[in-house]
PDB file of N, CA and C in Angstrom:
ATOM      1  N   MET A   1       1.011  -1.289   0.200  1.00  0.00           N
ATOM      2  CA  MET A   1       0.312   0.165  -0.178  1.00  0.00           C
ATOM      3  C   MET A   1       0.915   1.185   0.065  1.00  0.00           C
ATOM      4  N   ALA A   2       0.454   2.367  -0.632  1.00  0.00           N
ATOM      5  CA  ALA A   2       1.248   3.364  -0.599  1.00  0.00           C
ATOM      6  C   ALA A   2       1.200   4.175   0.813  1.00  0.00           C
ATOM      7  N   GLU A   3       2.629   4.928   0.967  1.00  0.00           N
ATOM      8  CA  GLU A   3       3.086   5.504   1.980  1.00  0.00           C
ATOM      9  C   GLU A   3       2.057   6.536   2.603  1.00  0.00           C
ATOM     10  N   ASN A   4       1.643   6.883   3.659  1.00  0.00           N
ATOM     11  CA  ASN A   4       0.855   8.189   3.889  1.00  0.00           C
ATOM     12  C   ASN A   4       1.927   9.499   3.699  1.00  0.00           C
ATOM     13  N   THR A   5       0.937  10.263   2.837  1.00  0.00           N
ATOM     14  CA  THR A   5       1.672  11.663   2.692  1.00  0.00           C
ATOM     15  C   THR A   5       1.356  12.450   4.203  1.00  0.00           C
ATOM     16  N   ALA A   6       2.262  12.775   4.750  1.00  0.00           N
ATOM     17  CA  ALA A   6       2.683  13.668   6.376  1.00  0.00           C
ATOM     18  C   ALA A   6       2.210  14.886   6.120  1.00  0.00           C
ATOM     19  N   LEU A   7       1.567  15.252   6.769  1.00  0.00           N
ATOM     20  CA  LEU A   7       0.640  16.734   6.847  1.00  0.00           C
ATOM     21  C   LEU A   7       1.781  18.304   6.815  1.00  0.00           C
ATOM     22  N   ALA A   8       3.260  17.719   7.152  1.00  0.00           N
ATOM     23  CA  ALA A   8       3.823  18.498   7.038  1.00  0.00           C
ATOM     24  C   ALA A   8       4.751  18.330   5.428  1.00  0.00           C
ATOM     25  N   LYS A   9       4.662  17.159   5.032  1.00  0.00           N
ATOM     26  CA  LYS A   9       5.141  17.286   3.639  1.00  0.00           C
ATOM     27  C   LYS A   9       3.854  17.756   2.573  1.00  0.00           C
ATOM     28  N   LEU A  10       3.084  17.141   2.889  1.00  0.00           N
ATOM     29  CA  LEU A  10       1.907  18.285   2.064  1.00  0.00           C
ATOM     30  C   LEU A  10       2.001  20.059   2.306  1.00  0.00           C
ATOM     31  N   ARG A  11       2.225  20.292   3.472  1.00  0.00           N
ATOM     32  CA  ARG A  11       1.745  22.087   3.495  1.00  0.00           C
ATOM     33  C   ARG A  11       3.304  22.418   2.660  1.00  0.00           C
ATOM     34  N   THR A  12       4.605  21.751   2.981  1.00  0.00           N
ATOM     35  CA  THR A  12       6.108  22.183   1.985  1.00  0.00           C
ATOM     36  C   THR A  12       5.868  22.058   0.541  1.00  0.00           C
ATOM     37  N   MET A  13       4.451  20.930   0.189  1.00  0.00           N
ATOM     38  CA  MET A  13       4.186  21.270  -1.143  1.00  0.00           C
ATOM     39  C   MET A  13       3.563  21.840  -1.671  1.00  0.00           C
ATOM     40  N   ALA A  14       2.604  22.589  -0.634  1.00  0.00           N
ATOM     41  CA  ALA A  14       1.393  23.579  -1.018  1.00  0.00           C
ATOM     42  C   ALA A  14       2.108  24.874  -1.077  1.00  0.00           C
ATOM     43  N   GLU A  15       3.558  25.212   0.028  1.00  0.00           N
ATOM     44  CA  GLU A  15       4.054  26.037  -0.329  1.00  0.00           C
ATOM     45  C   GLU A  15       5.170  26.484  -1.338  1.00  0.00           C
ATOM     46  N   ARG A  16       5.429  25.406  -1.699  1.00  0.00           N
ATOM     47  CA  ARG A  16       6.310  25.292  -3.290  1.00  0.00           C
ATOM     48  C   ARG A  16       5.524  25.767  -4.482  1.00  0.00           C
ATOM     49  N   SER A  17       4.033  25.441  -4.186  1.00  0.00           N
ATOM     50  CA  SER A  17       3.177  25.591  -5.499  1.00  0.00           C
ATOM     51  C   SER A  17       2.520  26.790  -5.313  1.00  0.00           C
ATOM     52  N   GLY A  18       2.849  27.766  -4.382  1.00  0.00           N
ATOM     53  CA  GLY A  18       2.504  29.285  -4.174  1.00  0.00           C
ATOM     54  C   GLY A  18       1.367  29.326  -3.068  1.00  0.00           C
ATOM     55  N   LEU A  19       0.881  28.102  -3.038  1.00  0.00           N
ATOM     56  CA  LEU A  19      -0.730  28.074  -2.141  1.00  0.00           C
ATOM     57  C   LEU A  19      -0.323  28.322  -1.069  1.00  0.00           C
ATOM     58  N   SER A  20      -1.166  29.255  -0.061  1.00  0.00           N
ATOM     59  CA  SER A  20      -0.983  28.846   1.094  1.00  0.00           C
ATOM     60  C   SER A  20      -2.611  28.861   1.924  1.00  0.00           C
ATOM     61  N   LEU A  21      -2.170  27.626   2.235  1.00  0.00           N
ATOM     62  CA  LEU A  21      -3.677  26.631   2.969  1.00  0.00           C
ATOM     63  C   LEU A  21      -3.388  26.572   4.246  1.00  0.00           C
ATOM     64  N   SER A  22      -4.615  26.467   4.997  1.00  0.00           N
ATOM     65  CA  SER A  22      -4.660  26.680   6.514  1.00  0.00           C
ATOM     66  C   SER A  22      -4.333  25.262   6.955  1.00  0.00           C
ATOM     67  N   GLU A  23      -3.888  25.203   8.135  1.00  0.00           N
ATOM     68  CA  GLU A  23      -4.328  23.736   8.662  1.00  0.00           C
ATOM     69  C   GLU A  23      -5.189  22.633   7.893  1.00  0.00           C
ATOM     70  N   GLU A  24      -6.395  23.406   8.673  1.00  0.00           N
ATOM     71  CA  GLU A  24      -7.884  22.854   8.199  1.00  0.00           C
ATOM     72  C   GLU A  24      -7.879  22.303   6.854  1.00  0.00           C
ATOM     73  N   GLU A  25      -7.721  23.035   5.931  1.00  0.00           N
ATOM     74  CA  GLU A  25      -7.723  22.853   4.292  1.00  0.00           C
ATOM     75  C   GLU A  25      -6.634  21.870   4.273  1.00  0.00           C
ATOM     76  N   LEU A  26      -5.644  21.738   4.781  1.00  0.00           N
ATOM     77  CA  LEU A  26      -4.464  20.701   4.514  1.00  0.00           C
ATOM     78  C   LEU A  26      -5.145  19.512   4.772  1.00  0.00           C
ATOM     79  N   SER A  27      -5.222  19.365   6.550  1.00  0.00           N
ATOM     80  CA  SER A  27      -6.340  18.402   6.877  1.00  0.00           C
ATOM     81  C   SER A  27      -7.484  17.598   5.759  1.00  0.00           C
ATOM     82  N   LYS A  28      -7.949  18.641   5.238  1.00  0.00           N
ATOM     83  CA  LYS A  28      -9.421  17.830   4.047  1.00  0.00           C
ATOM     84  C   LYS A  28      -8.768  17.287   3.464  1.00  0.00           C
ATOM     85  N   LEU A  29      -7.687  18.036   2.835  1.00  0.00           N
ATOM     86  CA  LEU A  29      -6.977  17.620   1.358  1.00  0.00           C
ATOM     87  C   LEU A  29      -5.973  16.417   1.616  1.00  0.00           C
ATOM     88  N   LEU A  30      -5.602  15.868   2.929  1.00  0.00           N
ATOM     89  CA  LEU A  30      -4.620  15.015   3.104  1.00  0.00           C
ATOM     90  C   LEU A  30      -5.430  13.739   2.844  1.00  0.00           C
ATOM     91  N   PRO A  31      -6.451  13.179   2.954  1.00  0.00           N
ATOM     92  CA  PRO A  31      -7.241  12.133   2.347  1.00  0.00           C
ATOM     93  C   PRO A  31      -7.233  11.706   1.409  1.00  0.00           C
ATOM     94  N   GLY A  32      -7.386  12.789   0.378  1.00  0.00           N
ATOM     95  CA  GLY A  32      -7.575  12.422  -0.830  1.00  0.00           C
ATOM     96  C   GLY A  32      -6.405  11.876  -1.338  1.00  0.00           C
ATOM     97  N   ILE A  33      -5.411  12.763  -0.997  1.00  0.00           N
ATOM     98  CA  ILE A  33      -3.937  12.792  -1.527  1.00  0.00           C
ATOM     99  C   ILE A  33      -3.664  11.047  -1.426  1.00  0.00           C
ATOM    100  N   ASN A  34      -3.590  10.771  -0.333  1.00  0.00           N
ATOM    101  CA  ASN A  34      -3.303   9.593   0.375  1.00  0.00           C
ATOM    102  C   ASN A  34      -4.126   8.259  -0.315  1.00  0.00           C
ATOM    103  N   ARG A  35      -5.668   8.586  -0.638  1.00  0.00           N
ATOM    104  CA  ARG A  35      -6.359   7.959  -1.753  1.00  0.00           C
ATOM    105  C   ARG A  35      -5.586   7.627  -3.052  1.00  0.00           C
ATOM    106  N   SER A  36      -5.503   8.922  -3.577  1.00  0.00           N
ATOM    107  CA  SER A  36      -4.883   9.120  -5.225  1.00  0.00           C
ATOM    108  C   SER A  36      -3.454   8.133  -4.862  1.00  0.00           C
ATOM    109  N   HIS A  37      -2.623   8.338  -4.084  1.00  0.00           N
ATOM    110  CA  HIS A  37      -1.180   7.842  -4.002  1.00  0.00           C
ATOM    111  C   HIS A  37      -1.460   6.112  -3.974  1.00  0.00           C
ATOM    112  N   SER A  38      -2.413   5.766  -3.019  1.00  0.00           N
ATOM    113  CA  SER A  38      -2.522   4.059  -3.099  1.00  0.00           C
ATOM    114  C   SER A  38      -3.196   3.593  -4.288  1.00  0.00           C
ATOM    115  N   GLN A  39      -4.141   4.502  -5.046  1.00  0.00           N
ATOM    116  CA  GLN A  39      -4.759   4.025  -6.510  1.00  0.00           C
ATOM    117  C   GLN A  39      -3.419   4.016  -7.587  1.00  0.00           C
ATOM    118  N   ILE A  40      -2.439   4.997  -7.402  1.00  0.00           N
ATOM    119  CA  ILE A  40      -1.788   4.944  -8.438  1.00  0.00           C
ATOM    120  C   ILE A  40      -0.755   3.366  -8.278  1.00  0.00           C
ATOM    121  N   ALA A  41      -0.581   3.182  -6.593  1.00  0.00           N
ATOM    122  CA  ALA A  41       0.313   2.261  -6.438  1.00  0.00           C
ATOM    123  C   ALA A  41      -0.930   1.036  -6.796  1.00  0.00           C
ATOM    124  N   GLU A  42      -1.928   0.674  -6.664  1.00  0.00           N
ATOM    125  CA  GLU A  42      -2.564  -0.426  -7.804  1.00  0.00           C
ATOM    126  C   GLU A  42      -2.564  -1.062  -9.038  1.00  0.00           C
ATOM    127  N   LEU A  43      -2.262   0.512  -9.526  1.00  0.00           N
ATOM    128  CA  LEU A  43      -2.336   0.834 -11.260  1.00  0.00           C
ATOM    129  C   LEU A  43      -1.239   0.459 -11.549  1.00  0.00           C
ATOM    130  N   ARG A  44       0.002   0.782 -10.793  1.00  0.00           N
ATOM    131  CA  ARG A  44       1.439   0.225 -11.036  1.00  0.00           C
ATOM    132  C   ARG A  44       1.611  -1.152 -10.935  1.00  0.00           C
ATOM    133  N   GLU A  45       0.685  -1.884 -10.386  1.00  0.00           N
ATOM    134  CA  GLU A  45       1.069  -3.348 -10.104  1.00  0.00           C
ATOM    135  C   GLU A  45       0.437  -4.076 -11.710  1.00  0.00           C
ATOM    136  N   PHE A  46      -0.339  -3.782 -12.345  1.00  0.00           N
ATOM    137  CA  PHE A  46      -0.965  -3.849 -13.688  1.00  0.00           C
ATOM    138  C   PHE A  46       0.048  -4.077 -15.007  1.00  0.00           C
ATOM    139  N   MET A  47       1.257  -2.668 -14.641  1.00  0.00           N
ATOM    140  CA  MET A  47       2.198  -2.293 -15.765  1.00  0.00           C
ATOM    141  C   MET A  47       3.085  -3.528 -15.153  1.00  0.00           C
ATOM    142  N   THR A  48       2.994  -4.448 -16.346  1.00  0.00           N
ATOM    143  CA  THR A  48       4.108  -6.100 -16.218  1.00  0.00           C
ATOM    144  C   THR A  48       5.134  -5.146 -17.265  1.00  0.00           C
ATOM    145  N   ASP A  49       4.830  -4.559 -18.329  1.00  0.00           N
ATOM    146  CA  ASP A  49       6.146  -3.946 -18.700  1.00  0.00           C
ATOM    147  C   ASP A  49       6.466  -2.523 -18.968  1.00  0.00           C
ATOM    148  N   ARG A  50       7.695  -2.412 -18.996  1.00  0.00           N
ATOM    149  CA  ARG A  50       8.149  -1.036 -19.143  1.00  0.00           C
ATOM    150  C   ARG A  50       7.980  -0.105 -20.472  1.00  0.00           C
ATOM    151  N   ILE A  51       7.011  -0.356 -21.105  1.00  0.00           N
ATOM    152  CA  ILE A  51       6.674   0.046 -22.351  1.00  0.00           C
ATOM    153  C   ILE A  51       5.479   1.740 -21.964  1.00  0.00           C
ATOM    154  N   GLU A  52       5.990   2.395 -22.468  1.00  0.00           N
ATOM    155  CA  GLU A  52       4.786   3.899 -22.189  1.00  0.00           C
ATOM    156  C   GLU A  52       3.851   3.490 -23.186  1.00  0.00           C
ATOM    157  N   PRO A  53       2.464   3.860 -22.794  1.00  0.00           N
ATOM    158  CA  PRO A  53       1.217   3.927 -23.452  1.00  0.00           C
ATOM    159  C   PRO A  53       1.706   4.983 -24.435  1.00  0.00           C
ATOM    160  N   ALA A  54       0.855   4.637 -25.305  1.00  0.00           N
ATOM    161  CA  ALA A  54       1.092   5.840 -26.703  1.00  0.00           C
ATOM    162  C   ALA A  54       0.543   7.147 -26.296  1.00  0.00           C
ATOM    163  N   ALA A  55       0.927   8.217 -26.298  1.00  0.00           N
ATOM    164  CA  ALA A  55       0.600   9.535 -26.034  1.00  0.00           C
ATOM    165  C   ALA A  55      -0.718  10.395 -26.825  1.00  0.00           C
ATOM    166  N   ILE A  56      -0.725   9.650 -28.144  1.00  0.00           N
ATOM    167  CA  ILE A  56      -1.866  10.080 -28.842  1.00  0.00           C
ATOM    168  C   ILE A  56      -2.753   8.945 -29.845  1.00  0.00           C
ATOM    169  N   PHE A  57      -3.749   9.127 -29.761  1.00  0.00           N
ATOM    170  CA  PHE A  57      -4.238   7.985 -30.896  1.00  0.00           C
ATOM    171  C   PHE A  57      -5.117   8.708 -32.036  1.00  0.00           C
ATOM    172  N   VAL A  58      -4.753   8.246 -32.781  1.00  0.00           N
ATOM    173  CA  VAL A  58      -5.465   8.947 -34.296  1.00  0.00           C
ATOM    174  C   VAL A  58      -5.950   7.797 -35.231  1.00  0.00           C
ATOM    175  N   ALA A  59      -7.552   7.638 -35.141  1.00  0.00           N
ATOM    176  CA  ALA A  59      -8.448   6.616 -35.420  1.00  0.00           C
ATOM    177  C   ALA A  59      -7.806   6.573 -37.065  1.00  0.00           C
ATOM    178  N   SER A  60      -7.890   7.743 -37.929  1.00  0.00           N
ATOM    179  CA  SER A  60      -7.745   7.215 -39.216  1.00  0.00           C
ATOM    180  C   SER A  60      -6.469   6.878 -39.750  1.00  0.00           C
ATOM    181  N   ARG A  61      -5.372   6.418 -38.676  1.00  0.00           N
ATOM    182  CA  ARG A  61      -3.968   6.421 -38.998  1.00  0.00           C
ATOM    183  C   ARG A  61      -3.836   4.404 -38.969  1.00  0.00           C
ATOM    184  N   THR A  62      -5.198   4.186 -38.393  1.00  0.00           N
ATOM    185  CA  THR A  62      -5.098   2.952 -38.010  1.00  0.00           C
ATOM    186  C   THR A  62      -4.652   1.641 -39.258  1.00  0.00           C
ATOM    187  N   GLU A  63      -3.748   0.596 -39.068  1.00  0.00           N
ATOM    188  CA  GLU A  63      -3.735  -0.476 -39.747  1.00  0.00           C
ATOM    189  C   GLU A  63      -3.972  -1.683 -39.458  1.00  0.00           C
ATOM    190  N   THR A  64      -4.645  -2.510 -40.438  1.00  0.00           N
ATOM    191  CA  THR A  64      -5.151  -3.689 -40.317  1.00  0.00           C
ATOM    192  C   THR A  64      -4.143  -4.636 -40.995  1.00  0.00           C
ATOM    193  N   ARG A  65      -3.870  -5.600 -40.012  1.00  0.00           N
ATOM    194  CA  ARG A  65      -2.962  -6.382 -40.327  1.00  0.00           C
ATOM    195  C   ARG A  65      -3.188  -8.103 -40.468  1.00  0.00           C
TER     196      ARG A  65
END
């Protein structure tokens, strides 16, 4: 499972982004951020190869094989 992000780390990230958030606002954001980290970790388990997915898809350029 993903490591929980500490409130102090979240405060630092917010400040570096130019946001001034109160302790209450940071506390409200923390569960969602931790949930996102957990979901990212779950998705990475499905990625068995190291090939990046296509950045774009153009339907008119599909080839039949």
